[in-house]
Amino acid sequence: MQVERICERCGEVNNIDSSNLVRQDVYSEDGEYFKIMYCKCKRCKEINVVQIDNMETLELFRKLKSLIIKVARKQMKRETVSPKEVKKKDKLTKELREKRKEIEDLMQGRKLFDENREILVNSLTFQRLVI
């Protein structure tokens, strides 16, 4: 899958895919751990954070991934997937989306540091869809 993202600094349209998406462990100003996914603008090299997770959302994602794999295996064997499993997947997906949104709102405008306590992101911003 490929997504286009406009750099807030220079306006360059960047294609985001698995080849230029970077995962990194970072820390907030008060030492809280996060895992981010970002891409760098090909023109100005600005870091554009795509997703941020904390330990809670990483655990939710682990549960969701495990459930999706379980359901996929059942489907490959042509076994019936219970409505309970579908409901649980929908619930976990919604909860994960809401928790990530909360983290984005909480961390908006804050600095993120790498493992060497050097600034990786000076002011964290997330692009919002305007409808």
N, C-alpha and C. Protein backbone atom coordinates (compact mmCIF):
# COMPACT_ATOMS: atom_id res chain seq x y z
N MET A 1 0.84 -1.18 0.00
CA MET A 1 0.00 0.00 0.00
C MET A 1 0.89 1.24 0.00
N GLN A 2 0.47 2.26 -0.71
CA GLN A 2 1.23 3.49 -0.80
C GLN A 2 0.32 4.66 -0.46
N VAL A 3 0.86 5.60 0.33
CA VAL A 3 0.09 6.77 0.76
C VAL A 3 0.92 8.00 0.43
N GLU A 4 0.25 9.07 0.03
CA GLU A 4 0.95 10.34 -0.22
C GLU A 4 0.76 11.24 0.99
N ARG A 5 1.83 11.95 1.34
CA ARG A 5 1.80 12.87 2.48
C ARG A 5 2.50 14.15 2.08
N ILE A 6 1.90 15.29 2.38
CA ILE A 6 2.49 16.59 2.06
C ILE A 6 3.30 17.07 3.25
N CYS A 7 4.56 17.43 3.02
CA CYS A 7 5.44 17.93 4.08
C CYS A 7 4.93 19.29 4.54
N GLU A 8 4.80 19.45 5.84
CA GLU A 8 4.31 20.72 6.38
C GLU A 8 5.34 21.84 6.26
N ARG A 9 6.61 21.47 6.20
CA ARG A 9 7.66 22.48 6.12
C ARG A 9 7.84 23.03 4.72
N CYS A 10 7.97 22.13 3.71
CA CYS A 10 8.31 22.60 2.36
C CYS A 10 7.22 22.36 1.32
N GLY A 11 6.19 21.57 1.64
CA GLY A 11 5.11 21.32 0.70
C GLY A 11 5.35 20.19 -0.29
N GLU A 12 6.46 19.51 -0.16
CA GLU A 12 6.77 18.38 -1.05
C GLU A 12 5.77 17.25 -0.83
N VAL A 13 5.32 16.62 -1.91
CA VAL A 13 4.45 15.46 -1.82
C VAL A 13 5.35 14.22 -1.74
N ASN A 14 5.27 13.51 -0.61
CA ASN A 14 6.09 12.33 -0.39
C ASN A 14 5.23 11.08 -0.44
N ASN A 15 5.71 10.07 -1.15
CA ASN A 15 5.04 8.78 -1.17
C ASN A 15 5.55 7.96 0.01
N ILE A 16 4.63 7.48 0.84
CA ILE A 16 5.01 6.67 1.99
C ILE A 16 4.66 5.23 1.68
N ASP A 17 5.66 4.36 1.80
CA ASP A 17 5.43 2.92 1.66
C ASP A 17 6.42 2.20 2.58
N SER A 18 6.42 0.90 2.55
CA SER A 18 7.27 0.14 3.48
C SER A 18 8.76 0.40 3.27
N SER A 19 9.16 0.88 2.10
CA SER A 19 10.58 1.09 1.85
C SER A 19 11.14 2.35 2.53
N ASN A 20 10.30 3.35 2.81
CA ASN A 20 10.81 4.57 3.44
C ASN A 20 10.16 4.87 4.79
N LEU A 21 9.42 3.92 5.33
CA LEU A 21 8.80 4.08 6.64
C LEU A 21 9.76 3.52 7.69
N VAL A 22 10.10 4.34 8.69
CA VAL A 22 11.07 3.96 9.71
C VAL A 22 10.38 3.81 11.05
N ARG A 23 10.72 2.77 11.79
CA ARG A 23 10.22 2.58 13.15
C ARG A 23 11.35 2.90 14.11
N GLN A 24 11.03 3.63 15.18
CA GLN A 24 12.08 3.98 16.13
C GLN A 24 11.51 4.13 17.53
N ASP A 25 12.30 3.72 18.52
CA ASP A 25 11.96 3.92 19.92
C ASP A 25 12.37 5.33 20.30
N VAL A 26 11.46 6.05 20.96
CA VAL A 26 11.73 7.42 21.37
C VAL A 26 11.21 7.64 22.79
N TYR A 27 11.59 8.78 23.35
CA TYR A 27 11.17 9.13 24.71
C TYR A 27 10.69 10.57 24.73
N SER A 28 9.71 10.83 25.58
CA SER A 28 9.21 12.20 25.72
C SER A 28 10.15 12.98 26.64
N GLU A 29 9.83 14.26 26.84
CA GLU A 29 10.66 15.11 27.70
C GLU A 29 10.73 14.58 29.13
N ASP A 30 9.67 13.90 29.58
CA ASP A 30 9.66 13.36 30.94
C ASP A 30 10.03 11.88 30.99
N GLY A 31 10.61 11.34 29.92
CA GLY A 31 11.15 9.99 29.91
C GLY A 31 10.18 8.89 29.55
N GLU A 32 8.95 9.22 29.14
CA GLU A 32 7.98 8.20 28.78
C GLU A 32 8.34 7.57 27.43
N TYR A 33 8.24 6.25 27.35
CA TYR A 33 8.62 5.49 26.15
C TYR A 33 7.50 5.50 25.11
N PHE A 34 7.90 5.67 23.85
CA PHE A 34 6.98 5.58 22.71
C PHE A 34 7.70 4.89 21.56
N LYS A 35 6.94 4.30 20.67
CA LYS A 35 7.48 3.77 19.42
C LYS A 35 6.78 4.55 18.32
N ILE A 36 7.57 5.16 17.45
CA ILE A 36 6.98 5.95 16.36
C ILE A 36 7.30 5.32 15.02
N MET A 37 6.47 5.63 14.04
CA MET A 37 6.75 5.32 12.65
C MET A 37 6.77 6.65 11.93
N TYR A 38 7.82 6.87 11.14
CA TYR A 38 7.95 8.15 10.44
C TYR A 38 8.61 7.96 9.10
N CYS A 39 8.49 9.00 8.29
CA CYS A 39 9.25 9.06 7.04
C CYS A 39 9.89 10.44 6.98
N LYS A 40 10.99 10.52 6.28
CA LYS A 40 11.66 11.81 6.09
C LYS A 40 11.27 12.38 4.75
N CYS A 41 11.05 13.69 4.74
CA CYS A 41 10.75 14.37 3.49
C CYS A 41 11.96 14.24 2.56
N LYS A 42 11.70 13.88 1.31
CA LYS A 42 12.82 13.68 0.38
C LYS A 42 13.49 14.99 0.00
N ARG A 43 12.80 16.13 0.16
CA ARG A 43 13.40 17.42 -0.17
C ARG A 43 14.12 18.05 1.02
N CYS A 44 13.40 18.27 2.14
CA CYS A 44 13.99 19.02 3.26
C CYS A 44 14.45 18.14 4.43
N LYS A 45 14.20 16.84 4.34
CA LYS A 45 14.61 15.86 5.36
C LYS A 45 13.89 16.03 6.70
N GLU A 46 12.77 16.76 6.72
CA GLU A 46 11.94 16.91 7.92
C GLU A 46 11.33 15.54 8.27
N ILE A 47 11.32 15.21 9.56
CA ILE A 47 10.71 13.95 10.00
C ILE A 47 9.21 14.16 10.14
N ASN A 48 8.44 13.35 9.42
CA ASN A 48 6.98 13.40 9.48
C ASN A 48 6.49 12.13 10.18
N VAL A 49 6.03 12.29 11.42
CA VAL A 49 5.57 11.15 12.21
C VAL A 49 4.20 10.72 11.70
N VAL A 50 4.07 9.44 11.40
CA VAL A 50 2.84 8.88 10.87
C VAL A 50 2.01 8.24 11.98
N GLN A 51 2.70 7.59 12.94
CA GLN A 51 1.99 6.88 14.01
C GLN A 51 2.84 6.88 15.27
N ILE A 52 2.17 6.94 16.42
CA ILE A 52 2.86 6.88 17.70
C ILE A 52 2.14 5.89 18.60
N ASP A 53 2.91 5.04 19.27
CA ASP A 53 2.36 4.03 20.18
C ASP A 53 3.08 4.10 21.52
N ASN A 54 2.33 3.77 22.58
CA ASN A 54 2.95 3.56 23.88
C ASN A 54 2.79 2.09 24.23
N MET A 55 3.16 1.68 25.44
CA MET A 55 3.10 0.27 25.81
C MET A 55 1.67 -0.27 25.74
N GLU A 56 0.69 0.54 26.09
CA GLU A 56 -0.71 0.11 26.08
C GLU A 56 -1.18 -0.17 24.65
N THR A 57 -0.88 0.72 23.72
CA THR A 57 -1.34 0.51 22.35
C THR A 57 -0.55 -0.60 21.66
N LEU A 58 0.71 -0.78 22.04
CA LEU A 58 1.48 -1.89 21.49
C LEU A 58 0.88 -3.23 21.92
N GLU A 59 0.42 -3.31 23.17
CA GLU A 59 -0.22 -4.53 23.66
C GLU A 59 -1.56 -4.76 22.96
N LEU A 60 -2.34 -3.69 22.77
CA LEU A 60 -3.60 -3.81 22.04
C LEU A 60 -3.35 -4.30 20.61
N PHE A 61 -2.34 -3.74 19.97
CA PHE A 61 -2.01 -4.15 18.61
C PHE A 61 -1.59 -5.61 18.57
N ARG A 62 -0.82 -6.06 19.57
CA ARG A 62 -0.39 -7.45 19.64
C ARG A 62 -1.61 -8.38 19.72
N LYS A 63 -2.59 -8.02 20.55
CA LYS A 63 -3.82 -8.82 20.68
C LYS A 63 -4.60 -8.84 19.37
N LEU A 64 -4.72 -7.68 18.74
CA LEU A 64 -5.46 -7.58 17.48
C LEU A 64 -4.78 -8.41 16.39
N LYS A 65 -3.47 -8.30 16.30
CA LYS A 65 -2.72 -9.05 15.30
C LYS A 65 -2.89 -10.55 15.51
N SER A 66 -2.83 -10.98 16.76
CA SER A 66 -3.00 -12.40 17.09
C SER A 66 -4.38 -12.89 16.67
N LEU A 67 -5.39 -12.10 16.94
CA LEU A 67 -6.76 -12.46 16.57
C LEU A 67 -6.93 -12.52 15.05
N ILE A 68 -6.36 -11.56 14.35
CA ILE A 68 -6.45 -11.54 12.88
C ILE A 68 -5.78 -12.77 12.28
N ILE A 69 -4.64 -13.16 12.82
CA ILE A 69 -3.94 -14.35 12.34
C ILE A 69 -4.78 -15.60 12.61
N LYS A 70 -5.37 -15.67 13.80
CA LYS A 70 -6.22 -16.81 14.15
C LYS A 70 -7.40 -16.93 13.18
N VAL A 71 -8.05 -15.81 12.89
CA VAL A 71 -9.19 -15.80 11.97
C VAL A 71 -8.74 -16.18 10.55
N ALA A 72 -7.59 -15.66 10.13
CA ALA A 72 -7.09 -15.96 8.78
C ALA A 72 -6.79 -17.46 8.64
N ARG A 73 -6.25 -18.07 9.68
CA ARG A 73 -5.97 -19.51 9.63
C ARG A 73 -7.26 -20.31 9.52
N LYS A 74 -8.28 -19.88 10.26
CA LYS A 74 -9.57 -20.55 10.17
C LYS A 74 -10.14 -20.44 8.75
N GLN A 75 -10.02 -19.25 8.16
CA GLN A 75 -10.54 -19.04 6.82
C GLN A 75 -9.79 -19.89 5.79
N MET A 76 -8.49 -20.02 5.98
CA MET A 76 -7.69 -20.85 5.05
C MET A 76 -8.11 -22.31 5.14
N LYS A 77 -8.49 -22.77 6.33
CA LYS A 77 -8.93 -24.15 6.53
C LYS A 77 -10.41 -24.31 6.21
N ARG A 78 -11.03 -23.21 5.79
CA ARG A 78 -12.46 -23.18 5.47
C ARG A 78 -13.33 -23.50 6.69
N GLU A 79 -12.83 -23.09 7.86
CA GLU A 79 -13.61 -23.22 9.09
C GLU A 79 -14.45 -21.96 9.28
N THR A 80 -15.49 -22.08 10.08
CA THR A 80 -16.38 -20.95 10.35
C THR A 80 -15.74 -20.00 11.36
N VAL A 81 -15.80 -18.72 11.05
CA VAL A 81 -15.33 -17.69 11.97
C VAL A 81 -16.54 -17.24 12.79
N SER A 82 -16.42 -17.32 14.10
CA SER A 82 -17.57 -16.99 14.95
C SER A 82 -17.82 -15.48 14.96
N PRO A 83 -19.08 -15.10 15.09
CA PRO A 83 -19.43 -13.68 15.19
C PRO A 83 -18.76 -13.03 16.40
N LYS A 84 -18.49 -13.83 17.43
CA LYS A 84 -17.81 -13.33 18.64
C LYS A 84 -16.41 -12.82 18.29
N GLU A 85 -15.71 -13.57 17.43
CA GLU A 85 -14.36 -13.18 17.03
C GLU A 85 -14.39 -11.91 16.18
N VAL A 86 -15.37 -11.81 15.31
CA VAL A 86 -15.51 -10.61 14.47
C VAL A 86 -15.81 -9.40 15.35
N LYS A 87 -16.69 -9.58 16.32
CA LYS A 87 -17.04 -8.50 17.24
C LYS A 87 -15.82 -8.06 18.07
N LYS A 88 -15.04 -9.04 18.51
CA LYS A 88 -13.84 -8.75 19.30
C LYS A 88 -12.82 -7.98 18.46
N LYS A 89 -12.66 -8.38 17.19
CA LYS A 89 -11.73 -7.68 16.29
C LYS A 89 -12.16 -6.23 16.10
N ASP A 90 -13.46 -6.02 15.88
CA ASP A 90 -13.97 -4.66 15.71
C ASP A 90 -13.77 -3.82 16.96
N LYS A 91 -13.99 -4.43 18.12
CA LYS A 91 -13.82 -3.73 19.40
C LYS A 91 -12.35 -3.34 19.60
N LEU A 92 -11.43 -4.29 19.36
CA LEU A 92 -10.01 -4.01 19.52
C LEU A 92 -9.54 -2.94 18.53
N THR A 93 -10.02 -2.99 17.30
CA THR A 93 -9.65 -2.01 16.28
C THR A 93 -10.09 -0.61 16.71
N LYS A 94 -11.33 -0.51 17.17
CA LYS A 94 -11.86 0.78 17.62
C LYS A 94 -11.09 1.31 18.83
N GLU A 95 -10.82 0.43 19.78
CA GLU A 95 -10.09 0.83 20.99
C GLU A 95 -8.68 1.29 20.65
N LEU A 96 -8.01 0.57 19.77
CA LEU A 96 -6.65 0.94 19.35
C LEU A 96 -6.65 2.30 18.66
N ARG A 97 -7.60 2.52 17.77
CA ARG A 97 -7.70 3.80 17.07
C ARG A 97 -7.92 4.96 18.05
N GLU A 98 -8.80 4.75 19.03
CA GLU A 98 -9.09 5.79 20.02
C GLU A 98 -7.88 6.08 20.90
N LYS A 99 -7.17 5.05 21.35
CA LYS A 99 -5.99 5.23 22.21
C LYS A 99 -4.88 5.96 21.45
N ARG A 100 -4.68 5.60 20.20
CA ARG A 100 -3.65 6.29 19.40
C ARG A 100 -4.00 7.75 19.21
N LYS A 101 -5.27 8.04 19.01
CA LYS A 101 -5.74 9.43 18.87
C LYS A 101 -5.47 10.21 20.16
N GLU A 102 -5.73 9.58 21.31
CA GLU A 102 -5.46 10.22 22.60
C GLU A 102 -3.98 10.56 22.75
N ILE A 103 -3.12 9.62 22.36
CA ILE A 103 -1.68 9.87 22.44
C ILE A 103 -1.28 11.02 21.52
N GLU A 104 -1.82 11.02 20.30
CA GLU A 104 -1.52 12.11 19.36
C GLU A 104 -1.91 13.45 19.96
N ASP A 105 -3.11 13.53 20.54
CA ASP A 105 -3.57 14.79 21.14
C ASP A 105 -2.69 15.20 22.31
N LEU A 106 -2.32 14.24 23.14
CA LEU A 106 -1.49 14.50 24.32
C LEU A 106 -0.08 14.96 23.94
N MET A 107 0.47 14.37 22.89
CA MET A 107 1.87 14.64 22.52
C MET A 107 2.03 15.76 21.49
N GLN A 108 0.94 16.29 20.98
CA GLN A 108 0.98 17.35 19.97
C GLN A 108 1.88 18.50 20.44
N GLY A 109 2.87 18.87 19.63
CA GLY A 109 3.74 20.01 19.92
C GLY A 109 4.90 19.71 20.85
N ARG A 110 5.03 18.48 21.33
CA ARG A 110 6.09 18.14 22.28
C ARG A 110 7.33 17.59 21.57
N LYS A 111 8.45 17.61 22.27
CA LYS A 111 9.71 17.10 21.73
C LYS A 111 9.82 15.61 21.98
N LEU A 112 10.47 14.92 21.06
CA LEU A 112 10.77 13.50 21.22
C LEU A 112 12.28 13.30 21.10
N PHE A 113 12.81 12.44 21.95
CA PHE A 113 14.26 12.20 22.02
C PHE A 113 14.55 10.75 21.66
N ASP A 114 15.71 10.53 21.03
CA ASP A 114 16.12 9.16 20.75
C ASP A 114 16.78 8.55 21.99
N GLU A 115 17.31 7.34 21.85
CA GLU A 115 17.89 6.64 23.01
C GLU A 115 19.12 7.33 23.57
N ASN A 116 19.74 8.23 22.81
CA ASN A 116 20.91 8.98 23.28
C ASN A 116 20.54 10.34 23.87
N ARG A 117 19.23 10.56 24.06
CA ARG A 117 18.69 11.81 24.61
C ARG A 117 18.95 13.00 23.68
N GLU A 118 19.09 12.73 22.40
CA GLU A 118 19.21 13.79 21.41
C GLU A 118 17.84 14.01 20.78
N ILE A 119 17.52 15.26 20.47
CA ILE A 119 16.21 15.58 19.92
C ILE A 119 16.05 14.94 18.54
N LEU A 120 15.01 14.14 18.40
CA LEU A 120 14.69 13.53 17.12
C LEU A 120 13.60 14.35 16.43
N VAL A 121 12.57 14.73 17.19
CA VAL A 121 11.48 15.55 16.68
C VAL A 121 11.36 16.76 17.58
N ASN A 122 11.52 17.96 17.02
CA ASN A 122 11.50 19.18 17.80
C ASN A 122 10.10 19.58 18.26
N SER A 123 9.12 19.42 17.40
CA SER A 123 7.74 19.74 17.75
C SER A 123 6.83 18.76 17.01
N LEU A 124 6.33 17.78 17.74
CA LEU A 124 5.53 16.72 17.14
C LEU A 124 4.20 17.26 16.65
N THR A 125 3.91 17.02 15.37
CA THR A 125 2.62 17.42 14.80
C THR A 125 2.06 16.27 13.99
N PHE A 126 0.75 16.14 14.03
CA PHE A 126 0.06 15.12 13.26
C PHE A 126 -0.90 15.82 12.31
N GLN A 127 -0.89 15.35 11.08
CA GLN A 127 -1.80 15.94 10.09
C GLN A 127 -3.20 15.44 10.37
N ARG A 128 -4.16 16.34 10.25
CA ARG A 128 -5.57 16.03 10.48
C ARG A 128 -6.32 16.12 9.17
N LEU A 129 -7.24 15.21 8.97
CA LEU A 129 -8.11 15.29 7.81
C LEU A 129 -9.19 16.31 8.06
N VAL A 130 -9.37 17.20 7.12
CA VAL A 130 -10.42 18.21 7.23
C VAL A 130 -11.50 17.85 6.21
N ILE A 131 -12.69 17.64 6.71
CA ILE A 131 -13.79 17.22 5.81
C ILE A 131 -14.82 18.32 5.73
